[in-house]
Amino acid sequence: MKSSVKKTSKSKTTKVPSQTELKHALNFFAEAGLLKRVKRSGWWVAGIENPETVAEHCFRCALIGYYIAHCEGVDPFAVMGMTLFNDIHEARINDLHKMGHYYIEFRAAEQKAFDDQIQNLNAKVKGELSGMRQSYNQQVTPESIVARDADILECLIQAKEYMDNGYPVAKTFFKRAPDHLKTKTAKELWKTALTWDSHEWWQSVVKFER
């Protein structure tokens, strides 16, 4: 005879963070919010006065990375994590264009800013973010390679959009960046983008009256 007593699954106990830990998390969220106002400085040299923000760049990097990861058969969520946090340090030290990097050793400052940003976070979160950054910098894992490709491709797509919107100098960015793409998917996307009209998507949605 079967028992009529229903088995209940054991619920996992959630450990509520301390008030101090929660405040550190809120501070981190607020700091990340600053990236919504930090402009991508590289476009200023191309005459673009109001370029996209770092937050906007990271958001689309994550979308591109997610897509490429699926095509390349790697973990899309690991890729998204790397792309979303890759430029978090710029909340403290701002975005510096490549011309500035030529004169200033910026990598050490980026790492120092990042280490300081995460030092008071939940230990598990801190460890995961540190691991993601290390993986991205080393460029050994398939996910890190896809994440880097997503970053490069986002810049290239942005350059194509600026060119289509009347900033021909943006085409200068086409010269070297494509050579750094490593995955087949990213390379094919860029090859297609060269002859692609960036206004195509909305023109196919909006039905104009004839």
N, C-alpha and C. Protein backbone atom coordinates (compact mmCIF):
# COMPACT_ATOMS: atom_id res chain seq x y z
N MET A 1 0.84 -1.20 0.00
CA MET A 1 0.00 0.00 0.00
C MET A 1 0.88 1.26 0.00
N LYS A 2 0.58 2.16 -0.94
CA LYS A 2 1.37 3.37 -1.04
C LYS A 2 1.00 4.37 0.04
N SER A 3 1.99 5.01 0.56
CA SER A 3 1.75 6.00 1.61
C SER A 3 1.09 7.23 1.00
N SER A 4 0.15 7.80 1.75
CA SER A 4 -0.54 9.00 1.28
C SER A 4 0.18 10.27 1.70
N VAL A 5 1.25 10.07 2.44
CA VAL A 5 2.00 11.23 2.91
C VAL A 5 2.89 11.75 1.80
N LYS A 6 2.76 13.01 1.45
CA LYS A 6 3.55 13.61 0.39
C LYS A 6 4.93 14.00 0.91
N LYS A 7 5.91 13.68 0.09
CA LYS A 7 7.27 14.06 0.47
C LYS A 7 7.51 15.52 0.11
N THR A 8 8.06 16.22 1.04
CA THR A 8 8.35 17.63 0.80
C THR A 8 9.83 17.79 0.52
N SER A 9 10.12 18.58 -0.48
CA SER A 9 11.52 18.82 -0.83
C SER A 9 12.15 19.77 0.18
N LYS A 10 13.37 19.52 0.49
CA LYS A 10 14.07 20.37 1.44
C LYS A 10 14.44 21.69 0.76
N SER A 11 14.02 22.77 1.38
CA SER A 11 14.32 24.08 0.80
C SER A 11 15.71 24.52 1.22
N LYS A 12 16.39 25.14 0.30
CA LYS A 12 17.74 25.60 0.58
C LYS A 12 17.68 26.87 1.40
N THR A 13 18.38 26.88 2.49
CA THR A 13 18.38 28.04 3.36
C THR A 13 19.20 29.17 2.75
N THR A 14 18.57 30.34 2.67
CA THR A 14 19.25 31.50 2.12
C THR A 14 19.91 32.29 3.23
N LYS A 15 21.18 32.52 3.07
CA LYS A 15 21.90 33.31 4.06
C LYS A 15 21.77 34.78 3.69
N VAL A 16 21.09 35.53 4.55
CA VAL A 16 20.88 36.95 4.28
C VAL A 16 22.16 37.72 4.59
N PRO A 17 22.66 38.49 3.64
CA PRO A 17 23.88 39.27 3.87
C PRO A 17 23.69 40.29 4.99
N SER A 18 24.76 40.66 5.63
CA SER A 18 24.70 41.67 6.69
C SER A 18 24.40 43.03 6.08
N GLN A 19 23.99 43.98 6.91
CA GLN A 19 23.71 45.33 6.43
C GLN A 19 24.95 45.97 5.82
N THR A 20 26.09 45.69 6.42
CA THR A 20 27.35 46.24 5.89
C THR A 20 27.61 45.70 4.48
N GLU A 21 27.41 44.40 4.31
CA GLU A 21 27.64 43.78 3.01
C GLU A 21 26.66 44.31 1.97
N LEU A 22 25.42 44.51 2.38
CA LEU A 22 24.42 45.03 1.46
C LEU A 22 24.74 46.47 1.04
N LYS A 23 25.26 47.25 1.96
CA LYS A 23 25.64 48.63 1.64
C LYS A 23 26.81 48.65 0.65
N HIS A 24 27.74 47.72 0.82
CA HIS A 24 28.86 47.62 -0.12
C HIS A 24 28.34 47.28 -1.52
N ALA A 25 27.33 46.40 -1.56
CA ALA A 25 26.73 46.02 -2.85
C ALA A 25 26.05 47.21 -3.49
N LEU A 26 25.30 47.98 -2.69
CA LEU A 26 24.62 49.16 -3.22
C LEU A 26 25.61 50.19 -3.74
N ASN A 27 26.72 50.35 -3.03
CA ASN A 27 27.76 51.27 -3.48
C ASN A 27 28.33 50.84 -4.83
N PHE A 28 28.49 49.53 -4.98
CA PHE A 28 29.01 48.98 -6.23
C PHE A 28 28.01 49.22 -7.36
N PHE A 29 26.72 49.04 -7.09
CA PHE A 29 25.69 49.28 -8.10
C PHE A 29 25.67 50.75 -8.51
N ALA A 30 25.80 51.64 -7.50
CA ALA A 30 25.80 53.07 -7.79
C ALA A 30 27.01 53.46 -8.63
N GLU A 31 28.15 52.86 -8.30
CA GLU A 31 29.37 53.13 -9.07
C GLU A 31 29.22 52.66 -10.51
N ALA A 32 28.63 51.48 -10.69
CA ALA A 32 28.40 50.98 -12.04
C ALA A 32 27.48 51.92 -12.81
N GLY A 33 26.55 52.55 -12.11
CA GLY A 33 25.62 53.48 -12.75
C GLY A 33 26.32 54.68 -13.35
N LEU A 34 27.50 55.00 -12.83
CA LEU A 34 28.26 56.13 -13.37
C LEU A 34 28.64 55.90 -14.82
N LEU A 35 28.75 54.63 -15.21
CA LEU A 35 29.11 54.31 -16.59
C LEU A 35 28.04 54.74 -17.59
N LYS A 36 26.85 55.04 -17.10
CA LYS A 36 25.79 55.55 -17.98
C LYS A 36 26.08 56.98 -18.41
N ARG A 37 27.07 57.61 -17.74
CA ARG A 37 27.42 58.99 -18.06
C ARG A 37 28.85 59.13 -18.60
N VAL A 38 29.64 58.06 -18.52
CA VAL A 38 31.02 58.10 -19.03
C VAL A 38 31.01 57.83 -20.54
N LYS A 39 31.48 58.79 -21.31
CA LYS A 39 31.47 58.68 -22.77
C LYS A 39 32.68 57.89 -23.28
N ARG A 40 32.50 57.22 -24.40
CA ARG A 40 33.59 56.50 -25.06
C ARG A 40 34.44 57.53 -25.81
N SER A 41 35.61 57.81 -25.28
CA SER A 41 36.39 58.96 -25.73
C SER A 41 37.02 58.81 -27.12
N GLY A 42 37.20 57.59 -27.59
CA GLY A 42 37.83 57.39 -28.89
C GLY A 42 37.13 58.09 -30.03
N TRP A 43 35.83 58.26 -29.91
CA TRP A 43 35.07 58.86 -31.01
C TRP A 43 35.24 60.37 -31.09
N TRP A 44 35.71 60.98 -30.02
CA TRP A 44 35.92 62.44 -30.06
C TRP A 44 36.94 62.82 -31.13
N VAL A 45 37.97 61.99 -31.31
CA VAL A 45 38.98 62.29 -32.32
C VAL A 45 38.42 62.17 -33.73
N ALA A 46 37.28 61.51 -33.86
CA ALA A 46 36.62 61.39 -35.17
C ALA A 46 35.56 62.47 -35.36
N GLY A 47 35.53 63.41 -34.42
CA GLY A 47 34.60 64.53 -34.54
C GLY A 47 33.20 64.27 -34.03
N ILE A 48 33.01 63.16 -33.32
CA ILE A 48 31.69 62.83 -32.79
C ILE A 48 31.58 63.40 -31.38
N GLU A 49 30.81 64.46 -31.22
CA GLU A 49 30.77 65.20 -29.96
C GLU A 49 30.03 64.47 -28.85
N ASN A 50 29.03 63.69 -29.21
CA ASN A 50 28.22 63.02 -28.18
C ASN A 50 28.17 61.51 -28.46
N PRO A 51 29.28 60.81 -28.25
CA PRO A 51 29.32 59.37 -28.52
C PRO A 51 28.56 58.57 -27.48
N GLU A 52 28.46 57.29 -27.71
CA GLU A 52 27.77 56.40 -26.76
C GLU A 52 28.54 56.32 -25.45
N THR A 53 27.85 55.91 -24.39
CA THR A 53 28.49 55.75 -23.08
C THR A 53 29.12 54.37 -22.96
N VAL A 54 29.93 54.21 -21.93
CA VAL A 54 30.55 52.91 -21.67
C VAL A 54 29.48 51.88 -21.35
N ALA A 55 28.45 52.28 -20.61
CA ALA A 55 27.37 51.35 -20.27
C ALA A 55 26.65 50.87 -21.53
N GLU A 56 26.42 51.76 -22.46
CA GLU A 56 25.76 51.39 -23.71
C GLU A 56 26.63 50.43 -24.52
N HIS A 57 27.91 50.69 -24.52
CA HIS A 57 28.86 49.81 -25.21
C HIS A 57 28.84 48.41 -24.59
N CYS A 58 28.90 48.34 -23.27
CA CYS A 58 28.92 47.05 -22.58
C CYS A 58 27.64 46.26 -22.80
N PHE A 59 26.52 46.97 -22.82
CA PHE A 59 25.24 46.30 -23.03
C PHE A 59 25.21 45.59 -24.39
N ARG A 60 25.61 46.31 -25.44
CA ARG A 60 25.57 45.67 -26.76
C ARG A 60 26.67 44.62 -26.92
N CYS A 61 27.79 44.81 -26.22
CA CYS A 61 28.83 43.77 -26.21
C CYS A 61 28.25 42.46 -25.70
N ALA A 62 27.45 42.56 -24.65
CA ALA A 62 26.85 41.35 -24.07
C ALA A 62 25.91 40.67 -25.05
N LEU A 63 25.13 41.44 -25.80
CA LEU A 63 24.22 40.87 -26.80
C LEU A 63 25.01 40.18 -27.91
N ILE A 64 26.04 40.87 -28.39
CA ILE A 64 26.86 40.31 -29.47
C ILE A 64 27.58 39.06 -28.98
N GLY A 65 28.12 39.13 -27.76
CA GLY A 65 28.82 37.99 -27.19
C GLY A 65 27.91 36.78 -27.03
N TYR A 66 26.69 37.03 -26.60
CA TYR A 66 25.70 35.96 -26.43
C TYR A 66 25.45 35.25 -27.76
N TYR A 67 25.31 36.04 -28.81
CA TYR A 67 25.05 35.48 -30.14
C TYR A 67 26.25 34.67 -30.64
N ILE A 68 27.43 35.29 -30.59
CA ILE A 68 28.63 34.61 -31.09
C ILE A 68 28.89 33.32 -30.30
N ALA A 69 28.68 33.37 -28.99
CA ALA A 69 28.92 32.20 -28.14
C ALA A 69 28.08 31.01 -28.59
N HIS A 70 26.82 31.26 -28.92
CA HIS A 70 25.95 30.18 -29.40
C HIS A 70 26.46 29.62 -30.73
N CYS A 71 26.88 30.51 -31.61
CA CYS A 71 27.38 30.06 -32.91
C CYS A 71 28.67 29.27 -32.77
N GLU A 72 29.50 29.66 -31.81
CA GLU A 72 30.79 29.01 -31.62
C GLU A 72 30.73 27.82 -30.67
N GLY A 73 29.56 27.60 -30.05
CA GLY A 73 29.40 26.45 -29.16
C GLY A 73 30.09 26.58 -27.82
N VAL A 74 30.15 27.82 -27.27
CA VAL A 74 30.74 28.01 -25.95
C VAL A 74 29.68 28.57 -25.00
N ASP A 75 30.02 28.67 -23.72
CA ASP A 75 29.06 29.10 -22.69
C ASP A 75 28.68 30.57 -22.90
N PRO A 76 27.43 30.85 -23.32
CA PRO A 76 27.04 32.24 -23.59
C PRO A 76 26.97 33.10 -22.33
N PHE A 77 26.66 32.49 -21.19
CA PHE A 77 26.51 33.27 -19.97
C PHE A 77 27.87 33.65 -19.38
N ALA A 78 28.87 32.80 -19.57
CA ALA A 78 30.23 33.17 -19.16
C ALA A 78 30.73 34.34 -20.01
N VAL A 79 30.40 34.29 -21.29
CA VAL A 79 30.78 35.37 -22.20
C VAL A 79 30.09 36.67 -21.81
N MET A 80 28.80 36.60 -21.52
CA MET A 80 28.05 37.79 -21.14
C MET A 80 28.61 38.41 -19.87
N GLY A 81 29.00 37.57 -18.91
CA GLY A 81 29.58 38.09 -17.67
C GLY A 81 30.84 38.88 -17.94
N MET A 82 31.70 38.34 -18.79
CA MET A 82 32.95 39.03 -19.11
C MET A 82 32.69 40.36 -19.82
N THR A 83 31.77 40.37 -20.76
CA THR A 83 31.50 41.59 -21.52
C THR A 83 30.86 42.67 -20.66
N LEU A 84 30.00 42.27 -19.74
CA LEU A 84 29.32 43.26 -18.90
C LEU A 84 30.25 43.92 -17.89
N PHE A 85 31.23 43.17 -17.40
CA PHE A 85 32.13 43.70 -16.36
C PHE A 85 33.49 44.14 -16.90
N ASN A 86 33.72 43.97 -18.18
CA ASN A 86 35.05 44.23 -18.73
C ASN A 86 35.54 45.66 -18.52
N ASP A 87 34.63 46.63 -18.59
CA ASP A 87 35.03 48.04 -18.49
C ASP A 87 34.56 48.69 -17.20
N ILE A 88 34.23 47.91 -16.19
CA ILE A 88 33.70 48.45 -14.94
C ILE A 88 34.68 49.43 -14.29
N HIS A 89 35.97 49.21 -14.48
CA HIS A 89 37.00 50.08 -13.89
C HIS A 89 36.91 51.52 -14.39
N GLU A 90 36.28 51.72 -15.55
CA GLU A 90 36.20 53.06 -16.13
C GLU A 90 35.28 53.99 -15.34
N ALA A 91 34.54 53.42 -14.40
CA ALA A 91 33.75 54.26 -13.50
C ALA A 91 34.68 55.10 -12.62
N ARG A 92 35.89 54.60 -12.37
CA ARG A 92 36.86 55.30 -11.52
C ARG A 92 37.91 56.07 -12.30
N ILE A 93 38.36 55.52 -13.41
CA ILE A 93 39.47 56.17 -14.12
C ILE A 93 39.09 56.66 -15.51
N ASN A 94 37.81 56.59 -15.82
CA ASN A 94 37.28 57.10 -17.09
C ASN A 94 37.76 56.25 -18.27
N ASP A 95 37.25 56.58 -19.46
CA ASP A 95 37.65 55.89 -20.68
C ASP A 95 38.79 56.67 -21.32
N LEU A 96 39.81 55.97 -21.73
CA LEU A 96 40.95 56.63 -22.38
C LEU A 96 41.14 56.06 -23.77
N HIS A 97 41.15 56.93 -24.79
CA HIS A 97 41.29 56.48 -26.17
C HIS A 97 42.70 55.95 -26.43
N LYS A 98 42.87 55.27 -27.56
CA LYS A 98 44.13 54.60 -27.88
C LYS A 98 45.32 55.56 -27.96
N MET A 99 45.06 56.79 -28.35
CA MET A 99 46.13 57.76 -28.41
C MET A 99 46.71 58.00 -27.01
N GLY A 100 45.82 58.03 -26.02
CA GLY A 100 46.25 58.20 -24.64
C GLY A 100 47.02 56.99 -24.14
N HIS A 101 46.56 55.81 -24.55
CA HIS A 101 47.24 54.57 -24.15
C HIS A 101 48.68 54.52 -24.69
N TYR A 102 48.92 55.19 -25.78
CA TYR A 102 50.26 55.21 -26.37
C TYR A 102 51.26 55.90 -25.44
N TYR A 103 50.75 56.90 -24.68
CA TYR A 103 51.63 57.68 -23.81
C TYR A 103 51.58 57.26 -22.33
N ILE A 104 50.53 56.56 -21.95
CA ILE A 104 50.34 56.20 -20.54
C ILE A 104 50.18 54.70 -20.41
N GLU A 105 50.88 54.10 -19.45
CA GLU A 105 50.70 52.68 -19.16
C GLU A 105 49.43 52.55 -18.33
N PHE A 106 48.34 52.23 -19.00
CA PHE A 106 47.02 52.28 -18.38
C PHE A 106 46.59 50.95 -17.76
N ARG A 107 47.18 49.85 -18.17
CA ARG A 107 46.72 48.53 -17.74
C ARG A 107 46.81 48.35 -16.23
N ALA A 108 47.92 48.80 -15.64
CA ALA A 108 48.10 48.66 -14.19
C ALA A 108 47.03 49.45 -13.44
N ALA A 109 46.69 50.63 -13.95
CA ALA A 109 45.67 51.47 -13.32
C ALA A 109 44.29 50.81 -13.42
N GLU A 110 44.03 50.19 -14.55
CA GLU A 110 42.75 49.49 -14.74
C GLU A 110 42.60 48.35 -13.72
N GLN A 111 43.66 47.58 -13.55
CA GLN A 111 43.62 46.47 -12.61
C GLN A 111 43.48 46.96 -11.17
N LYS A 112 44.21 48.03 -10.83
CA LYS A 112 44.15 48.59 -9.48
C LYS A 112 42.74 49.09 -9.18
N ALA A 113 42.13 49.78 -10.13
CA ALA A 113 40.77 50.28 -9.94
C ALA A 113 39.79 49.14 -9.76
N PHE A 114 39.93 48.10 -10.58
CA PHE A 114 39.03 46.94 -10.48
C PHE A 114 39.18 46.24 -9.14
N ASP A 115 40.42 46.02 -8.70
CA ASP A 115 40.66 45.35 -7.41
C ASP A 115 40.04 46.13 -6.26
N ASP A 116 40.16 47.45 -6.32
CA ASP A 116 39.58 48.29 -5.27
C ASP A 116 38.05 48.26 -5.32
N GLN A 117 37.50 48.19 -6.51
CA GLN A 117 36.04 48.17 -6.67
C GLN A 117 35.40 46.94 -6.03
N ILE A 118 36.05 45.80 -6.15
CA ILE A 118 35.43 44.55 -5.70
C ILE A 118 35.88 44.09 -4.32
N GLN A 119 36.79 44.82 -3.69
CA GLN A 119 37.39 44.33 -2.46
C GLN A 119 36.41 44.12 -1.30
N ASN A 120 35.31 44.88 -1.27
CA ASN A 120 34.36 44.76 -0.17
C ASN A 120 33.10 43.98 -0.52
N LEU A 121 33.08 43.37 -1.70
CA LEU A 121 31.89 42.63 -2.11
C LEU A 121 31.84 41.25 -1.45
N ASN A 122 30.67 40.63 -1.53
CA ASN A 122 30.48 39.26 -1.08
C ASN A 122 31.63 38.40 -1.63
N ALA A 123 32.19 37.53 -0.78
CA ALA A 123 33.37 36.76 -1.14
C ALA A 123 33.18 35.94 -2.41
N LYS A 124 31.99 35.34 -2.56
CA LYS A 124 31.72 34.53 -3.75
C LYS A 124 31.67 35.39 -5.00
N VAL A 125 31.01 36.53 -4.89
CA VAL A 125 30.90 37.46 -6.01
C VAL A 125 32.29 37.98 -6.39
N LYS A 126 33.04 38.38 -5.37
CA LYS A 126 34.39 38.89 -5.58
C LYS A 126 35.27 37.87 -6.31
N GLY A 127 35.20 36.62 -5.85
CA GLY A 127 36.00 35.57 -6.46
C GLY A 127 35.62 35.32 -7.90
N GLU A 128 34.32 35.35 -8.19
CA GLU A 128 33.85 35.09 -9.55
C GLU A 128 34.25 36.22 -10.49
N LEU A 129 34.08 37.46 -10.03
CA LEU A 129 34.45 38.60 -10.87
C LEU A 129 35.96 38.63 -11.13
N SER A 130 36.72 38.33 -10.11
CA SER A 130 38.18 38.29 -10.26
C SER A 130 38.60 37.21 -11.26
N GLY A 131 37.94 36.06 -11.18
CA GLY A 131 38.23 34.96 -12.09
C GLY A 131 37.87 35.30 -13.52
N MET A 132 36.72 35.96 -13.71
CA MET A 132 36.31 36.35 -15.06
C MET A 132 37.29 37.32 -15.68
N ARG A 133 37.74 38.27 -14.87
CA ARG A 133 38.67 39.27 -15.40
C ARG A 133 40.01 38.63 -15.76
N GLN A 134 40.48 37.75 -14.92
CA GLN A 134 41.73 37.06 -15.19
C GLN A 134 41.63 36.24 -16.47
N SER A 135 40.51 35.55 -16.62
CA SER A 135 40.30 34.75 -17.82
C SER A 135 40.28 35.62 -19.06
N TYR A 136 39.59 36.75 -18.99
CA TYR A 136 39.50 37.66 -20.13
C TYR A 136 40.88 38.19 -20.50
N ASN A 137 41.64 38.59 -19.51
CA ASN A 137 42.97 39.14 -19.77
C ASN A 137 43.94 38.12 -20.37
N GLN A 138 43.83 36.88 -19.94
CA GLN A 138 44.74 35.84 -20.42
C GLN A 138 44.40 35.38 -21.84
N GLN A 139 43.14 35.52 -22.25
CA GLN A 139 42.71 35.16 -23.60
C GLN A 139 43.10 33.73 -23.99
N VAL A 140 42.80 32.79 -23.09
CA VAL A 140 43.11 31.38 -23.34
C VAL A 140 41.84 30.56 -23.56
N THR A 141 40.81 30.80 -22.73
CA THR A 141 39.58 30.03 -22.84
C THR A 141 38.76 30.47 -24.04
N PRO A 142 37.95 29.57 -24.61
CA PRO A 142 37.09 29.94 -25.75
C PRO A 142 36.15 31.09 -25.40
N GLU A 143 35.65 31.10 -24.16
CA GLU A 143 34.72 32.16 -23.73
C GLU A 143 35.40 33.53 -23.72
N SER A 144 36.64 33.56 -23.25
CA SER A 144 37.36 34.84 -23.20
C SER A 144 37.65 35.37 -24.61
N ILE A 145 37.94 34.47 -25.51
CA ILE A 145 38.20 34.85 -26.91
C ILE A 145 36.94 35.41 -27.56
N VAL A 146 35.81 34.76 -27.30
CA VAL A 146 34.53 35.25 -27.83
C VAL A 146 34.19 36.61 -27.23
N ALA A 147 34.42 36.77 -25.93
CA ALA A 147 34.13 38.04 -25.25
C ALA A 147 34.94 39.17 -25.86
N ARG A 148 36.21 38.90 -26.14
CA ARG A 148 37.08 39.92 -26.75
C ARG A 148 36.60 40.24 -28.17
N ASP A 149 36.22 39.23 -28.91
CA ASP A 149 35.68 39.45 -30.25
C ASP A 149 34.42 40.32 -30.20
N ALA A 150 33.58 40.08 -29.21
CA ALA A 150 32.35 40.86 -29.06
C ALA A 150 32.67 42.32 -28.80
N ASP A 151 33.70 42.57 -28.02
CA ASP A 151 34.12 43.94 -27.71
C ASP A 151 34.61 44.64 -28.98
N ILE A 152 35.44 43.96 -29.74
CA ILE A 152 35.97 44.53 -30.98
C ILE A 152 34.86 44.75 -32.00
N LEU A 153 33.99 43.76 -32.14
CA LEU A 153 32.92 43.84 -33.13
C LEU A 153 31.92 44.94 -32.79
N GLU A 154 31.67 45.15 -31.50
CA GLU A 154 30.75 46.22 -31.11
C GLU A 154 31.31 47.57 -31.54
N CYS A 155 32.61 47.76 -31.35
CA CYS A 155 33.26 49.01 -31.78
C CYS A 155 33.16 49.18 -33.29
N LEU A 156 33.36 48.10 -34.02
CA LEU A 156 33.31 48.16 -35.48
C LEU A 156 31.89 48.46 -35.97
N ILE A 157 30.91 47.83 -35.36
CA ILE A 157 29.51 48.09 -35.74
C ILE A 157 29.15 49.54 -35.43
N GLN A 158 29.64 50.02 -34.28
CA GLN A 158 29.38 51.41 -33.91
C GLN A 158 30.02 52.36 -34.92
N ALA A 159 31.24 52.03 -35.35
CA ALA A 159 31.91 52.85 -36.36
C ALA A 159 31.12 52.86 -37.67
N LYS A 160 30.59 51.72 -38.06
CA LYS A 160 29.78 51.63 -39.28
C LYS A 160 28.52 52.48 -39.14
N GLU A 161 27.91 52.46 -37.98
CA GLU A 161 26.71 53.28 -37.74
C GLU A 161 27.03 54.76 -37.81
N TYR A 162 28.14 55.16 -37.19
CA TYR A 162 28.53 56.57 -37.25
C TYR A 162 28.82 56.98 -38.69
N MET A 163 29.47 56.12 -39.45
CA MET A 163 29.76 56.41 -40.86
C MET A 163 28.46 56.57 -41.64
N ASP A 164 27.50 55.68 -41.40
CA ASP A 164 26.21 55.75 -42.09
C ASP A 164 25.43 57.00 -41.70
N ASN A 165 25.79 57.58 -40.55
CA ASN A 165 25.08 58.77 -40.06
C ASN A 165 25.85 60.06 -40.33
N GLY A 166 26.80 59.99 -41.26
CA GLY A 166 27.46 61.22 -41.69
C GLY A 166 28.80 61.54 -41.07
N TYR A 167 29.46 60.56 -40.49
CA TYR A 167 30.80 60.76 -39.92
C TYR A 167 31.79 59.85 -40.66
N PRO A 168 32.23 60.25 -41.86
CA PRO A 168 33.08 59.39 -42.68
C PRO A 168 34.41 59.03 -42.03
N VAL A 169 34.91 59.88 -41.13
CA VAL A 169 36.20 59.60 -40.49
C VAL A 169 36.13 58.34 -39.63
N ALA A 170 34.93 57.97 -39.22
CA ALA A 170 34.76 56.75 -38.40
C ALA A 170 35.27 55.52 -39.13
N LYS A 171 35.34 55.60 -40.46
CA LYS A 171 35.81 54.47 -41.26
C LYS A 171 37.27 54.14 -40.96
N THR A 172 37.99 55.09 -40.37
CA THR A 172 39.39 54.88 -40.00
C THR A 172 39.53 53.68 -39.08
N PHE A 173 38.50 53.45 -38.25
CA PHE A 173 38.53 52.37 -37.28
C PHE A 173 38.42 50.99 -37.96
N PHE A 174 38.10 50.99 -39.26
CA PHE A 174 37.99 49.72 -39.99
C PHE A 174 39.37 49.11 -40.31
N LYS A 175 40.42 49.93 -40.24
CA LYS A 175 41.73 49.52 -40.75
C LYS A 175 42.38 48.39 -39.97
N ARG A 176 42.48 48.52 -38.65
CA ARG A 176 43.24 47.55 -37.87
C ARG A 176 42.40 46.63 -37.01
N ALA A 177 41.31 47.14 -36.48
CA ALA A 177 40.50 46.35 -35.54
C ALA A 177 40.07 44.99 -36.09
N PRO A 178 39.62 44.90 -37.35
CA PRO A 178 39.18 43.58 -37.87
C PRO A 178 40.26 42.51 -37.83
N ASP A 179 41.54 42.92 -37.90
CA ASP A 179 42.63 41.96 -37.88
C ASP A 179 42.74 41.23 -36.54
N HIS A 180 42.12 41.78 -35.50
CA HIS A 180 42.20 41.19 -34.16
C HIS A 180 41.06 40.21 -33.88
N LEU A 181 40.08 40.12 -34.77
CA LEU A 181 38.99 39.17 -34.59
C LEU A 181 39.52 37.75 -34.77
N LYS A 182 39.11 36.84 -33.91
CA LYS A 182 39.64 35.47 -33.94
C LYS A 182 38.61 34.41 -34.32
N THR A 183 37.36 34.59 -33.91
CA THR A 183 36.37 33.55 -34.19
C THR A 183 35.82 33.68 -35.60
N LYS A 184 35.44 32.57 -36.17
CA LYS A 184 34.89 32.55 -37.52
C LYS A 184 33.61 33.36 -37.59
N THR A 185 32.78 33.24 -36.55
CA THR A 185 31.50 33.95 -36.55
C THR A 185 31.70 35.46 -36.56
N ALA A 186 32.62 35.95 -35.73
CA ALA A 186 32.87 37.39 -35.67
C ALA A 186 33.41 37.91 -37.00
N LYS A 187 34.31 37.15 -37.59
CA LYS A 187 34.88 37.55 -38.88
C LYS A 187 33.81 37.63 -39.97
N GLU A 188 32.91 36.66 -39.98
CA GLU A 188 31.85 36.64 -40.98
C GLU A 188 30.84 37.76 -40.74
N LEU A 189 30.57 38.04 -39.47
CA LEU A 189 29.67 39.15 -39.15
C LEU A 189 30.23 40.46 -39.66
N TRP A 190 31.53 40.66 -39.45
CA TRP A 190 32.13 41.91 -39.90
C TRP A 190 32.18 41.98 -41.42
N LYS A 191 32.46 40.89 -42.07
CA LYS A 191 32.48 40.84 -43.53
C LYS A 191 31.12 41.26 -44.08
N THR A 192 30.06 40.77 -43.45
CA THR A 192 28.71 41.12 -43.87
C THR A 192 28.40 42.57 -43.56
N ALA A 193 28.89 43.06 -42.42
CA ALA A 193 28.60 44.43 -41.98
C ALA A 193 29.18 45.48 -42.92
N LEU A 194 30.25 45.15 -43.62
CA LEU A 194 30.90 46.12 -44.51
C LEU A 194 29.97 46.63 -45.61
N THR A 195 29.06 45.77 -46.06
CA THR A 195 28.12 46.17 -47.12
C THR A 195 26.69 46.31 -46.59
N TRP A 196 26.55 46.28 -45.30
CA TRP A 196 25.25 46.35 -44.63
C TRP A 196 24.84 47.79 -44.36
N ASP A 197 23.57 48.09 -44.55
CA ASP A 197 23.03 49.42 -44.22
C ASP A 197 22.49 49.36 -42.81
N SER A 198 23.09 50.12 -41.89
CA SER A 198 22.68 50.04 -40.48
C SER A 198 21.28 50.59 -40.23
N HIS A 199 20.68 51.22 -41.24
CA HIS A 199 19.30 51.71 -41.11
C HIS A 199 18.28 50.68 -41.62
N GLU A 200 18.79 49.60 -42.13
CA GLU A 200 17.92 48.60 -42.75
C GLU A 200 16.86 48.05 -41.81
N TRP A 201 17.25 47.81 -40.56
CA TRP A 201 16.34 47.14 -39.63
C TRP A 201 15.08 47.94 -39.37
N TRP A 202 15.24 49.27 -39.17
CA TRP A 202 14.04 50.04 -38.85
C TRP A 202 13.23 50.40 -40.10
N GLN A 203 13.90 50.47 -41.24
CA GLN A 203 13.17 50.73 -42.48
C GLN A 203 12.29 49.56 -42.89
N SER A 204 12.70 48.36 -42.45
CA SER A 204 11.88 47.19 -42.75
C SER A 204 10.70 47.04 -41.78
N VAL A 205 10.80 47.76 -40.64
CA VAL A 205 9.72 47.71 -39.65
C VAL A 205 8.69 48.80 -39.92
N VAL A 206 9.18 50.01 -40.17
CA VAL A 206 8.29 51.14 -40.43
C VAL A 206 7.77 51.08 -41.86
N LYS A 207 6.46 51.13 -42.00
CA LYS A 207 5.85 51.06 -43.34
C LYS A 207 5.55 52.47 -43.81
N PHE A 208 6.33 52.94 -44.77
CA PHE A 208 6.13 54.29 -45.29
C PHE A 208 4.96 54.33 -46.28
N GLU A 209 4.24 55.43 -46.21
CA GLU A 209 3.14 55.60 -47.16
C GLU A 209 3.73 56.05 -48.51
N ARG A 210 3.19 55.51 -49.54
CA ARG A 210 3.67 55.87 -50.88
C ARG A 210 2.79 56.97 -51.47
